[in-house]
């Protein structure tokens, strides 16, 4: 595992310096101190190496974003800024890899890359949606799609500028600035009407609940702060997931499972989101 991680790190470095297509398997192997034949013990091709790196980056980013919660003594706005700072740090800390990805793999050029990046975007959009609702409250619900689009646009342009143009930035200062801009937008909503009301909503609202279950599962798999049986919690997540995929989910069962998850304080943020999404689903039906 150590050697595999080293291969990934060396590959990112070489891809960044020379370009993905200009870097050979032989060069990656030599930089890691192994033979070309040994490389194939870990990866079938150079492309599979890149896909594995991308999957790891995706898992780490979602894990980091979903594990952030309101810290003791912080206001919701302060937690919003802190969460944003950590997400920006993730992008910047992995600048070399994402530079390679953006420059060598334009959208839709590689199916696997496109699928993973699409999944990353969808997961982050859902996380941002819930974070914005947590920060600004129910008053923004009628405008949430417009607000999410504005927030995503601001964040995206800063990320591209910082990563591709290699600009240095104080992430906390940037996050604070973006939060101030969002404050101004939210405070002006009383003078306007929403433009897009359901553009970002999945065709099937159950999809957002399934995304939330994925976050809970990821958190369970990456924490030691568990007071009840680990396997039982994971089984409960899977039971909830299976029930959501049925044509007529049993309401009493889903409510009982949400109550069961609520026994774990470290899952509070994710379970609050799950509960809110579930109640919306019930109301819509």
C-alpha atoms as a PDB file:
ATOM      1  CA  UNK A   1       0.000   0.000   0.000  1.00  0.00           C
ATOM      2  CA  UNK A   2       2.884   2.381   0.801  1.00  0.00           C
ATOM      3  CA  UNK A   3       4.447   1.729  -2.616  1.00  0.00           C
ATOM      4  CA  UNK A   4       1.096   2.181  -4.360  1.00  0.00           C
ATOM      5  CA  UNK A   5       0.610   5.567  -2.676  1.00  0.00           C
ATOM      6  CA  UNK A   6       4.152   6.541  -3.628  1.00  0.00           C
ATOM      7  CA  UNK A   7       3.432   5.584  -7.247  1.00  0.00           C
ATOM      8  CA  UNK A   8       0.376   7.841  -7.210  1.00  0.00           C
ATOM      9  CA  UNK A   9       2.309  10.769  -5.721  1.00  0.00           C
ATOM     10  CA  UNK A  10       5.219  10.404  -8.165  1.00  0.00           C
ATOM     11  CA  UNK A  11       2.804  10.099 -11.079  1.00  0.00           C
ATOM     12  CA  UNK A  12       1.010  13.327 -10.125  1.00  0.00           C
ATOM     13  CA  UNK A  13       4.371  15.094  -9.926  1.00  0.00           C
ATOM     14  CA  UNK A  14       5.482  13.832 -13.341  1.00  0.00           C
ATOM     15  CA  UNK A  15       2.099  14.472 -14.972  1.00  0.00           C
ATOM     16  CA  UNK A  16       2.250  18.037 -13.661  1.00  0.00           C
ATOM     17  CA  UNK A  17       5.787  18.606 -14.955  1.00  0.00           C
ATOM     18  CA  UNK A  18       5.578  16.840 -18.332  1.00  0.00           C
ATOM     19  CA  UNK A  19       1.907  16.266 -19.053  1.00  0.00           C
ATOM     20  CA  UNK A  20      -0.099  13.047 -18.818  1.00  0.00           C
ATOM     21  CA  UNK A  21       0.474  11.839 -22.370  1.00  0.00           C
ATOM     22  CA  UNK A  22       4.165  12.780 -22.355  1.00  0.00           C
ATOM     23  CA  UNK A  23       4.895  10.746 -19.207  1.00  0.00           C
ATOM     24  CA  UNK A  24       5.674   7.050 -19.686  1.00  0.00           C
ATOM     25  CA  UNK A  25       5.040   4.149 -17.326  1.00  0.00           C
ATOM     26  CA  UNK A  26       8.807   3.570 -17.354  1.00  0.00           C
ATOM     27  CA  UNK A  27       9.428   7.088 -16.012  1.00  0.00           C
ATOM     28  CA  UNK A  28       6.848   6.679 -13.245  1.00  0.00           C
ATOM     29  CA  UNK A  29       8.367   3.338 -12.228  1.00  0.00           C
ATOM     30  CA  UNK A  30      11.917   4.714 -12.197  1.00  0.00           C
ATOM     31  CA  UNK A  31      10.889   7.760 -10.152  1.00  0.00           C
ATOM     32  CA  UNK A  32       9.369   5.394  -7.588  1.00  0.00           C
ATOM     33  CA  UNK A  33      12.397   3.093  -7.552  1.00  0.00           C
ATOM     34  CA  UNK A  34      10.691   0.021  -9.002  1.00  0.00           C
ATOM     35  CA  UNK A  35      10.795  -1.820 -12.315  1.00  0.00           C
ATOM     36  CA  UNK A  36       8.274  -1.280 -15.094  1.00  0.00           C
ATOM     37  CA  UNK A  37       7.021  -4.818 -14.490  1.00  0.00           C
ATOM     38  CA  UNK A  38       6.411  -4.040 -10.810  1.00  0.00           C
ATOM     39  CA  UNK A  39       4.259  -1.065 -11.839  1.00  0.00           C
ATOM     40  CA  UNK A  40       1.755  -3.476 -13.401  1.00  0.00           C
ATOM     41  CA  UNK A  41       1.328  -5.268 -10.080  1.00  0.00           C
ATOM     42  CA  UNK A  42      -0.500  -2.164  -8.895  1.00  0.00           C
ATOM     43  CA  UNK A  43      -2.088  -0.728 -12.057  1.00  0.00           C
ATOM     44  CA  UNK A  44      -3.125  -2.214 -15.403  1.00  0.00           C
ATOM     45  CA  UNK A  45      -2.373   0.966 -17.364  1.00  0.00           C
ATOM     46  CA  UNK A  46      -1.329   4.573 -16.908  1.00  0.00           C
ATOM     47  CA  UNK A  47      -4.992   5.502 -17.394  1.00  0.00           C
ATOM     48  CA  UNK A  48      -6.114   3.172 -14.579  1.00  0.00           C
ATOM     49  CA  UNK A  49      -3.533   4.846 -12.328  1.00  0.00           C
ATOM     50  CA  UNK A  50      -5.078   8.239 -13.098  1.00  0.00           C
ATOM     51  CA  UNK A  51      -8.596   6.923 -12.458  1.00  0.00           C
ATOM     52  CA  UNK A  52      -7.518   5.488  -9.085  1.00  0.00           C
ATOM     53  CA  UNK A  53      -5.977   8.839  -8.134  1.00  0.00           C
ATOM     54  CA  UNK A  54      -9.179  10.632  -9.149  1.00  0.00           C
ATOM     55  CA  UNK A  55     -11.342   8.209  -7.138  1.00  0.00           C
ATOM     56  CA  UNK A  56      -9.135   8.769  -4.095  1.00  0.00           C
ATOM     57  CA  UNK A  57      -9.334  12.550  -4.510  1.00  0.00           C
ATOM     58  CA  UNK A  58     -13.121  12.314  -4.854  1.00  0.00           C
ATOM     59  CA  UNK A  59     -13.449  10.202  -1.698  1.00  0.00           C
ATOM     60  CA  UNK A  60     -11.164  12.509   0.284  1.00  0.00           C
ATOM     61  CA  UNK A  61     -12.955  15.682  -0.802  1.00  0.00           C
ATOM     62  CA  UNK A  62     -16.429  14.356  -0.017  1.00  0.00           C
ATOM     63  CA  UNK A  63     -15.236  12.844   3.250  1.00  0.00           C
ATOM     64  CA  UNK A  64     -13.683  16.150   4.285  1.00  0.00           C
ATOM     65  CA  UNK A  65     -16.688  18.213   3.228  1.00  0.00           C
ATOM     66  CA  UNK A  66     -19.280  15.941   4.860  1.00  0.00           C
ATOM     67  CA  UNK A  67     -17.317  15.582   8.112  1.00  0.00           C
ATOM     68  CA  UNK A  68     -17.136  19.327   8.745  1.00  0.00           C
ATOM     69  CA  UNK A  69     -19.717  20.443  11.289  1.00  0.00           C
ATOM     70  CA  UNK A  70     -20.500  23.486  13.360  1.00  0.00           C
ATOM     71  CA  UNK A  71     -17.686  23.697  15.886  1.00  0.00           C
ATOM     72  CA  UNK A  72     -18.406  24.463  19.513  1.00  0.00           C
ATOM     73  CA  UNK A  73     -18.656  28.197  20.083  1.00  0.00           C
ATOM     74  CA  UNK A  74     -19.055  29.002  16.379  1.00  0.00           C
ATOM     75  CA  UNK A  75     -22.011  30.771  14.847  1.00  0.00           C
ATOM     76  CA  UNK A  76     -23.564  29.265  11.716  1.00  0.00           C
ATOM     77  CA  UNK A  77     -21.866  31.920   9.605  1.00  0.00           C
ATOM     78  CA  UNK A  78     -18.469  31.217  11.181  1.00  0.00           C
ATOM     79  CA  UNK A  79     -18.966  27.498  10.522  1.00  0.00           C
ATOM     80  CA  UNK A  80     -19.917  28.327   6.910  1.00  0.00           C
ATOM     81  CA  UNK A  81     -16.627  30.208   6.456  1.00  0.00           C
ATOM     82  CA  UNK A  82     -14.639  27.439   8.161  1.00  0.00           C
ATOM     83  CA  UNK A  83     -16.209  24.749   5.967  1.00  0.00           C
ATOM     84  CA  UNK A  84     -15.550  26.797   2.831  1.00  0.00           C
ATOM     85  CA  UNK A  85     -11.925  27.368   3.880  1.00  0.00           C
ATOM     86  CA  UNK A  86     -11.363  23.630   4.263  1.00  0.00           C
ATOM     87  CA  UNK A  87     -12.896  22.891   0.865  1.00  0.00           C
ATOM     88  CA  UNK A  88     -10.741  25.546  -0.819  1.00  0.00           C
ATOM     89  CA  UNK A  89      -7.677  24.089   0.903  1.00  0.00           C
ATOM     90  CA  UNK A  90      -8.528  20.669  -0.536  1.00  0.00           C
ATOM     91  CA  UNK A  91      -8.561  22.075  -4.058  1.00  0.00           C
ATOM     92  CA  UNK A  92      -5.354  24.046  -3.536  1.00  0.00           C
ATOM     93  CA  UNK A  93      -3.477  21.219  -1.801  1.00  0.00           C
ATOM     94  CA  UNK A  94      -4.260  19.025  -4.811  1.00  0.00           C
ATOM     95  CA  UNK A  95      -3.522  21.769  -7.331  1.00  0.00           C
ATOM     96  CA  UNK A  96      -1.002  19.677  -9.309  1.00  0.00           C
ATOM     97  CA  UNK A  97      -3.433  16.828  -9.865  1.00  0.00           C
ATOM     98  CA  UNK A  98      -6.406  18.975 -10.858  1.00  0.00           C
ATOM     99  CA  UNK A  99      -4.207  21.034 -13.187  1.00  0.00           C
ATOM    100  CA  UNK A 100      -3.281  17.800 -14.998  1.00  0.00           C
ATOM    101  CA  UNK A 101      -6.931  16.754 -15.096  1.00  0.00           C
ATOM    102  CA  UNK A 102      -8.284  20.058 -16.428  1.00  0.00           C
ATOM    103  CA  UNK A 103      -5.555  20.447 -19.066  1.00  0.00           C
ATOM    104  CA  UNK A 104      -5.382  16.852 -20.319  1.00  0.00           C
ATOM    105  CA  UNK A 105      -8.983  15.692 -19.993  1.00  0.00           C
ATOM    106  CA  UNK A 106     -11.515  18.221 -21.307  1.00  0.00           C
ATOM    107  CA  UNK A 107     -15.162  17.474 -20.396  1.00  0.00           C
ATOM    108  CA  UNK A 108     -16.545  14.286 -21.997  1.00  0.00           C
ATOM    109  CA  UNK A 109     -13.187  13.212 -23.468  1.00  0.00           C
ATOM    110  CA  UNK A 110     -12.845  10.289 -21.058  1.00  0.00           C
ATOM    111  CA  UNK A 111     -16.031   8.561 -19.879  1.00  0.00           C
ATOM    112  CA  UNK A 112     -14.668   7.394 -16.502  1.00  0.00           C
ATOM    113  CA  UNK A 113     -13.130  10.769 -15.688  1.00  0.00           C
ATOM    114  CA  UNK A 114     -16.352  12.551 -16.708  1.00  0.00           C
ATOM    115  CA  UNK A 115     -18.488  10.229 -14.563  1.00  0.00           C
ATOM    116  CA  UNK A 116     -16.360  10.705 -11.441  1.00  0.00           C
ATOM    117  CA  UNK A 117     -16.131  14.486 -11.899  1.00  0.00           C
ATOM    118  CA  UNK A 118     -19.893  14.633 -12.466  1.00  0.00           C
ATOM    119  CA  UNK A 119     -20.462  12.647  -9.276  1.00  0.00           C
ATOM    120  CA  UNK A 120     -18.085  14.943  -7.368  1.00  0.00           C
ATOM    121  CA  UNK A 121     -19.924  18.025  -8.641  1.00  0.00           C
ATOM    122  CA  UNK A 122     -23.330  16.571  -7.769  1.00  0.00           C
ATOM    123  CA  UNK A 123     -22.231  15.611  -4.244  1.00  0.00           C
ATOM    124  CA  UNK A 124     -20.662  19.021  -3.593  1.00  0.00           C
ATOM    125  CA  UNK A 125     -23.729  20.853  -4.937  1.00  0.00           C
ATOM    126  CA  UNK A 126     -25.959  18.905  -2.542  1.00  0.00           C
ATOM    127  CA  UNK A 127     -23.581  19.598   0.355  1.00  0.00           C
ATOM    128  CA  UNK A 128     -23.456  23.295  -0.506  1.00  0.00           C
ATOM    129  CA  UNK A 129     -27.238  23.415  -0.775  1.00  0.00           C
ATOM    130  CA  UNK A 130     -27.659  22.055   2.753  1.00  0.00           C
ATOM    131  CA  UNK A 131     -24.844  24.243   4.125  1.00  0.00           C
ATOM    132  CA  UNK A 132     -26.484  27.366   2.702  1.00  0.00           C
ATOM    133  CA  UNK A 133     -29.833  26.358   4.202  1.00  0.00           C
ATOM    134  CA  UNK A 134     -28.150  25.723   7.562  1.00  0.00           C
ATOM    135  CA  UNK A 135     -26.440  29.115   7.397  1.00  0.00           C
ATOM    136  CA  UNK A 136     -29.291  31.344   6.229  1.00  0.00           C
ATOM    137  CA  UNK A 137     -32.370  29.418   7.313  1.00  0.00           C
ATOM    138  CA  UNK A 138     -35.796  28.821   5.819  1.00  0.00           C
ATOM    139  CA  UNK A 139     -36.101  32.347   4.376  1.00  0.00           C
ATOM    140  CA  UNK A 140     -33.897  31.339   1.434  1.00  0.00           C
ATOM    141  CA  UNK A 141     -35.798  28.136   0.563  1.00  0.00           C
ATOM    142  CA  UNK A 142     -37.823  29.712  -2.294  1.00  0.00           C
ATOM    143  CA  UNK A 143     -34.551  31.042  -3.765  1.00  0.00           C
ATOM    144  CA  UNK A 144     -32.295  28.095  -2.948  1.00  0.00           C
ATOM    145  CA  UNK A 145     -31.684  27.012  -6.553  1.00  0.00           C
ATOM    146  CA  UNK A 146     -30.675  30.533  -7.605  1.00  0.00           C
ATOM    147  CA  UNK A 147     -28.482  30.934  -4.523  1.00  0.00           C
ATOM    148  CA  UNK A 148     -26.736  27.602  -5.063  1.00  0.00           C
ATOM    149  CA  UNK A 149     -26.009  28.489  -8.711  1.00  0.00           C
ATOM    150  CA  UNK A 150     -24.565  31.867  -7.687  1.00  0.00           C
ATOM    151  CA  UNK A 151     -22.466  30.295  -4.923  1.00  0.00           C
ATOM    152  CA  UNK A 152     -21.206  27.513  -7.209  1.00  0.00           C
ATOM    153  CA  UNK A 153     -20.291  30.060  -9.884  1.00  0.00           C
ATOM    154  CA  UNK A 154     -18.299  32.239  -7.484  1.00  0.00           C
ATOM    155  CA  UNK A 155     -16.518  29.243  -5.969  1.00  0.00           C
ATOM    156  CA  UNK A 156     -15.752  27.691  -9.369  1.00  0.00           C
ATOM    157  CA  UNK A 157     -14.198  30.846 -10.811  1.00  0.00           C
ATOM    158  CA  UNK A 158     -11.972  31.348  -7.792  1.00  0.00           C
ATOM    159  CA  UNK A 159     -10.893  27.685  -7.834  1.00  0.00           C
ATOM    160  CA  UNK A 160     -10.027  27.846 -11.552  1.00  0.00           C
ATOM    161  CA  UNK A 161      -8.145  31.122 -11.086  1.00  0.00           C
ATOM    162  CA  UNK A 162      -6.161  29.830  -8.111  1.00  0.00           C
ATOM    163  CA  UNK A 163      -5.415  26.387  -9.591  1.00  0.00           C
ATOM    164  CA  UNK A 164      -4.858  26.986 -13.305  1.00  0.00           C
ATOM    165  CA  UNK A 165      -3.313  30.436 -13.025  1.00  0.00           C
ATOM    166  CA  UNK A 166      -1.325  29.430  -9.938  1.00  0.00           C
ATOM    167  CA  UNK A 167      -2.332  32.411  -7.830  1.00  0.00           C
ATOM    168  CA  UNK A 168      -1.528  32.527  -4.120  1.00  0.00           C
ATOM    169  CA  UNK A 169      -4.431  33.269  -1.817  1.00  0.00           C
ATOM    170  CA  UNK A 170      -5.310  33.312   1.877  1.00  0.00           C
ATOM    171  CA  UNK A 171      -8.152  30.780   1.894  1.00  0.00           C
ATOM    172  CA  UNK A 172      -9.761  32.086   5.078  1.00  0.00           C
ATOM    173  CA  UNK A 173      -9.759  35.633   3.715  1.00  0.00           C
ATOM    174  CA  UNK A 174     -11.241  34.387   0.440  1.00  0.00           C
ATOM    175  CA  UNK A 175     -13.910  32.326   2.244  1.00  0.00           C
ATOM    176  CA  UNK A 176     -14.803  35.338   4.415  1.00  0.00           C
ATOM    177  CA  UNK A 177     -15.098  37.535   1.324  1.00  0.00           C
ATOM    178  CA  UNK A 178     -17.364  35.020  -0.448  1.00  0.00           C
ATOM    179  CA  UNK A 179     -19.517  34.745   2.699  1.00  0.00           C
ATOM    180  CA  UNK A 180     -19.875  38.548   2.778  1.00  0.00           C
ATOM    181  CA  UNK A 181     -20.964  38.528  -0.879  1.00  0.00           C
ATOM    182  CA  UNK A 182     -23.514  35.793  -0.126  1.00  0.00           C
ATOM    183  CA  UNK A 183     -24.789  37.815   2.865  1.00  0.00           C
ATOM    184  CA  UNK A 184     -25.450  40.773   0.558  1.00  0.00           C
ATOM    185  CA  UNK A 185     -27.265  38.580  -1.963  1.00  0.00           C
ATOM    186  CA  UNK A 186     -29.420  36.931   0.699  1.00  0.00           C
ATOM    187  CA  UNK A 187     -30.269  40.289   2.296  1.00  0.00           C
ATOM    188  CA  UNK A 188     -31.503  41.618  -1.055  1.00  0.00           C
ATOM    189  CA  UNK A 189     -33.890  38.726  -1.751  1.00  0.00           C
ATOM    190  CA  UNK A 190     -36.922  40.503  -0.309  1.00  0.00           C
ATOM    191  CA  UNK A 191     -36.802  42.861  -3.292  1.00  0.00           C
ATOM    192  CA  UNK A 192     -36.968  40.187  -5.983  1.00  0.00           C
ATOM    193  CA  UNK A 193     -38.538  36.897  -7.052  1.00  0.00           C
ATOM    194  CA  UNK A 194     -36.840  33.506  -7.632  1.00  0.00           C
ATOM    195  CA  UNK A 195     -35.894  32.740 -11.237  1.00  0.00           C
ATOM    196  CA  UNK A 196     -35.186  28.999 -11.146  1.00  0.00           C
ATOM    197  CA  UNK A 197     -37.246  26.982  -8.707  1.00  0.00           C
ATOM    198  CA  UNK A 198     -36.350  23.384  -9.534  1.00  0.00           C
ATOM    199  CA  UNK A 199     -33.456  23.452 -12.012  1.00  0.00           C
ATOM    200  CA  UNK A 200     -30.983  21.797  -9.634  1.00  0.00           C
ATOM    201  CA  UNK A 201     -33.438  19.392  -8.074  1.00  0.00           C
ATOM    202  CA  UNK A 202     -32.915  15.792  -9.211  1.00  0.00           C
ATOM    203  CA  UNK A 203     -35.686  14.312 -11.318  1.00  0.00           C
ATOM    204  CA  UNK A 204     -36.241  11.875  -8.456  1.00  0.00           C
ATOM    205  CA  UNK A 205     -36.040  13.637  -5.042  1.00  0.00           C
ATOM    206  CA  UNK A 206     -35.001  10.326  -3.496  1.00  0.00           C
ATOM    207  CA  UNK A 207     -31.586  10.807  -5.106  1.00  0.00           C
ATOM    208  CA  UNK A 208     -30.630  13.508  -2.609  1.00  0.00           C
ATOM    209  CA  UNK A 209     -31.560  11.215   0.274  1.00  0.00           C
ATOM    210  CA  UNK A 210     -29.393   8.478  -1.241  1.00  0.00           C
ATOM    211  CA  UNK A 211     -26.506  10.977  -1.496  1.00  0.00           C
ATOM    212  CA  UNK A 212     -26.982  11.808   2.173  1.00  0.00           C
ATOM    213  CA  UNK A 213     -26.889   8.100   3.084  1.00  0.00           C
ATOM    214  CA  UNK A 214     -23.591   7.823   1.193  1.00  0.00           C
ATOM    215  CA  UNK A 215     -22.193  10.638   3.351  1.00  0.00           C
ATOM    216  CA  UNK A 216     -23.320   8.920   6.555  1.00  0.00           C
ATOM    217  CA  UNK A 217     -21.767   5.659   5.371  1.00  0.00           C
ATOM    218  CA  UNK A 218     -18.478   7.407   4.514  1.00  0.00           C
ATOM    219  CA  UNK A 219     -18.378   9.028   7.937  1.00  0.00           C
ATOM    220  CA  UNK A 220     -19.044   5.702   9.676  1.00  0.00           C
ATOM    221  CA  UNK A 221     -16.225   4.091   7.724  1.00  0.00           C
ATOM    222  CA  UNK A 222     -13.770   6.822   8.660  1.00  0.00           C
ATOM    223  CA  UNK A 223     -14.257   7.495  12.351  1.00  0.00           C
ATOM    224  CA  UNK A 224     -13.523   5.857  15.673  1.00  0.00           C
ATOM    225  CA  UNK A 225     -16.092   7.956  17.523  1.00  0.00           C
ATOM    226  CA  UNK A 226     -18.837   5.310  17.610  1.00  0.00           C
ATOM    227  CA  UNK A 227     -20.851   4.370  20.703  1.00  0.00           C
ATOM    228  CA  UNK A 228     -23.022   1.585  19.281  1.00  0.00           C
ATOM    229  CA  UNK A 229     -22.150  -1.394  17.165  1.00  0.00           C
ATOM    230  CA  UNK A 230     -20.464  -0.304  13.923  1.00  0.00           C
ATOM    231  CA  UNK A 231     -21.905  -3.087  11.807  1.00  0.00           C
ATOM    232  CA  UNK A 232     -25.438  -2.404  13.017  1.00  0.00           C
ATOM    233  CA  UNK A 233     -25.182   1.229  11.977  1.00  0.00           C
ATOM    234  CA  UNK A 234     -23.896   0.275   8.530  1.00  0.00           C
ATOM    235  CA  UNK A 235     -26.693  -2.290   8.217  1.00  0.00           C
ATOM    236  CA  UNK A 236     -29.207   0.420   9.150  1.00  0.00           C
ATOM    237  CA  UNK A 237     -27.830   2.668   6.402  1.00  0.00           C
ATOM    238  CA  UNK A 238     -28.153  -0.156   3.883  1.00  0.00           C
ATOM    239  CA  UNK A 239     -31.690  -0.956   5.084  1.00  0.00           C
ATOM    240  CA  UNK A 240     -32.685   2.690   4.648  1.00  0.00           C
ATOM    241  CA  UNK A 241     -31.112   2.724   1.176  1.00  0.00           C
ATOM    242  CA  UNK A 242     -32.978  -0.423   0.083  1.00  0.00           C
ATOM    243  CA  UNK A 243     -36.261   0.903   1.440  1.00  0.00           C
ATOM    244  CA  UNK A 244     -35.819   4.177  -0.476  1.00  0.00           C
ATOM    245  CA  UNK A 245     -35.456   2.190  -3.693  1.00  0.00           C
ATOM    246  CA  UNK A 246     -38.823   0.464  -3.276  1.00  0.00           C
ATOM    247  CA  UNK A 247     -41.936   1.817  -4.977  1.00  0.00           C
ATOM    248  CA  UNK A 248     -43.648   2.510  -1.638  1.00  0.00           C
ATOM    249  CA  UNK A 249     -41.142   3.057   1.212  1.00  0.00           C
ATOM    250  CA  UNK A 250     -42.515   2.233   4.665  1.00  0.00           C
ATOM    251  CA  UNK A 251     -42.746   5.535   6.516  1.00  0.00           C
ATOM    252  CA  UNK A 252     -42.672   4.057  10.032  1.00  0.00           C
ATOM    253  CA  UNK A 253     -39.485   2.105   9.243  1.00  0.00           C
ATOM    254  CA  UNK A 254     -37.642   5.100   7.791  1.00  0.00           C
ATOM    255  CA  UNK A 255     -38.620   7.281  10.747  1.00  0.00           C
ATOM    256  CA  UNK A 256     -37.412   4.574  13.142  1.00  0.00           C
ATOM    257  CA  UNK A 257     -34.060   4.380  11.328  1.00  0.00           C
ATOM    258  CA  UNK A 258     -33.634   8.165  11.463  1.00  0.00           C
ATOM    259  CA  UNK A 259     -34.327   8.007  15.197  1.00  0.00           C
ATOM    260  CA  UNK A 260     -31.714   5.240  15.503  1.00  0.00           C
ATOM    261  CA  UNK A 261     -29.088   7.342  13.697  1.00  0.00           C
ATOM    262  CA  UNK A 262     -29.874  10.225  16.052  1.00  0.00           C
ATOM    263  CA  UNK A 263     -28.343   8.231  18.910  1.00  0.00           C
ATOM    264  CA  UNK A 264     -24.920   9.081  17.457  1.00  0.00           C
ATOM    265  CA  UNK A 265     -23.954  12.679  18.239  1.00  0.00           C
ATOM    266  CA  UNK A 266     -21.127  12.690  15.690  1.00  0.00           C
ATOM    267  CA  UNK A 267     -23.691  12.058  12.914  1.00  0.00           C
ATOM    268  CA  UNK A 268     -25.917  14.953  13.995  1.00  0.00           C
ATOM    269  CA  UNK A 269     -25.266  17.199  10.998  1.00  0.00           C
ATOM    270  CA  UNK A 270     -25.811  14.448   8.424  1.00  0.00           C
ATOM    271  CA  UNK A 271     -28.888  13.068  10.219  1.00  0.00           C
ATOM    272  CA  UNK A 272     -30.420  16.553  10.478  1.00  0.00           C
ATOM    273  CA  UNK A 273     -30.026  16.877   6.707  1.00  0.00           C
ATOM    274  CA  UNK A 274     -31.447  13.379   6.159  1.00  0.00           C
ATOM    275  CA  UNK A 275     -34.435  14.156   8.378  1.00  0.00           C
ATOM    276  CA  UNK A 276     -35.101  17.444   6.577  1.00  0.00           C
ATOM    277  CA  UNK A 277     -34.879  15.799   3.146  1.00  0.00           C
ATOM    278  CA  UNK A 278     -37.149  12.949   4.223  1.00  0.00           C
ATOM    279  CA  UNK A 279     -39.790  15.330   5.585  1.00  0.00           C
ATOM    280  CA  UNK A 280     -39.731  17.282   2.326  1.00  0.00           C
ATOM    281  CA  UNK A 281     -40.191  14.051   0.379  1.00  0.00           C
ATOM    282  CA  UNK A 282     -43.192  13.071   2.510  1.00  0.00           C
ATOM    283  CA  UNK A 283     -44.742  16.530   2.043  1.00  0.00           C
ATOM    284  CA  UNK A 284     -44.242  16.397  -1.734  1.00  0.00           C
ATOM    285  CA  UNK A 285     -45.937  13.032  -1.951  1.00  0.00           C
END
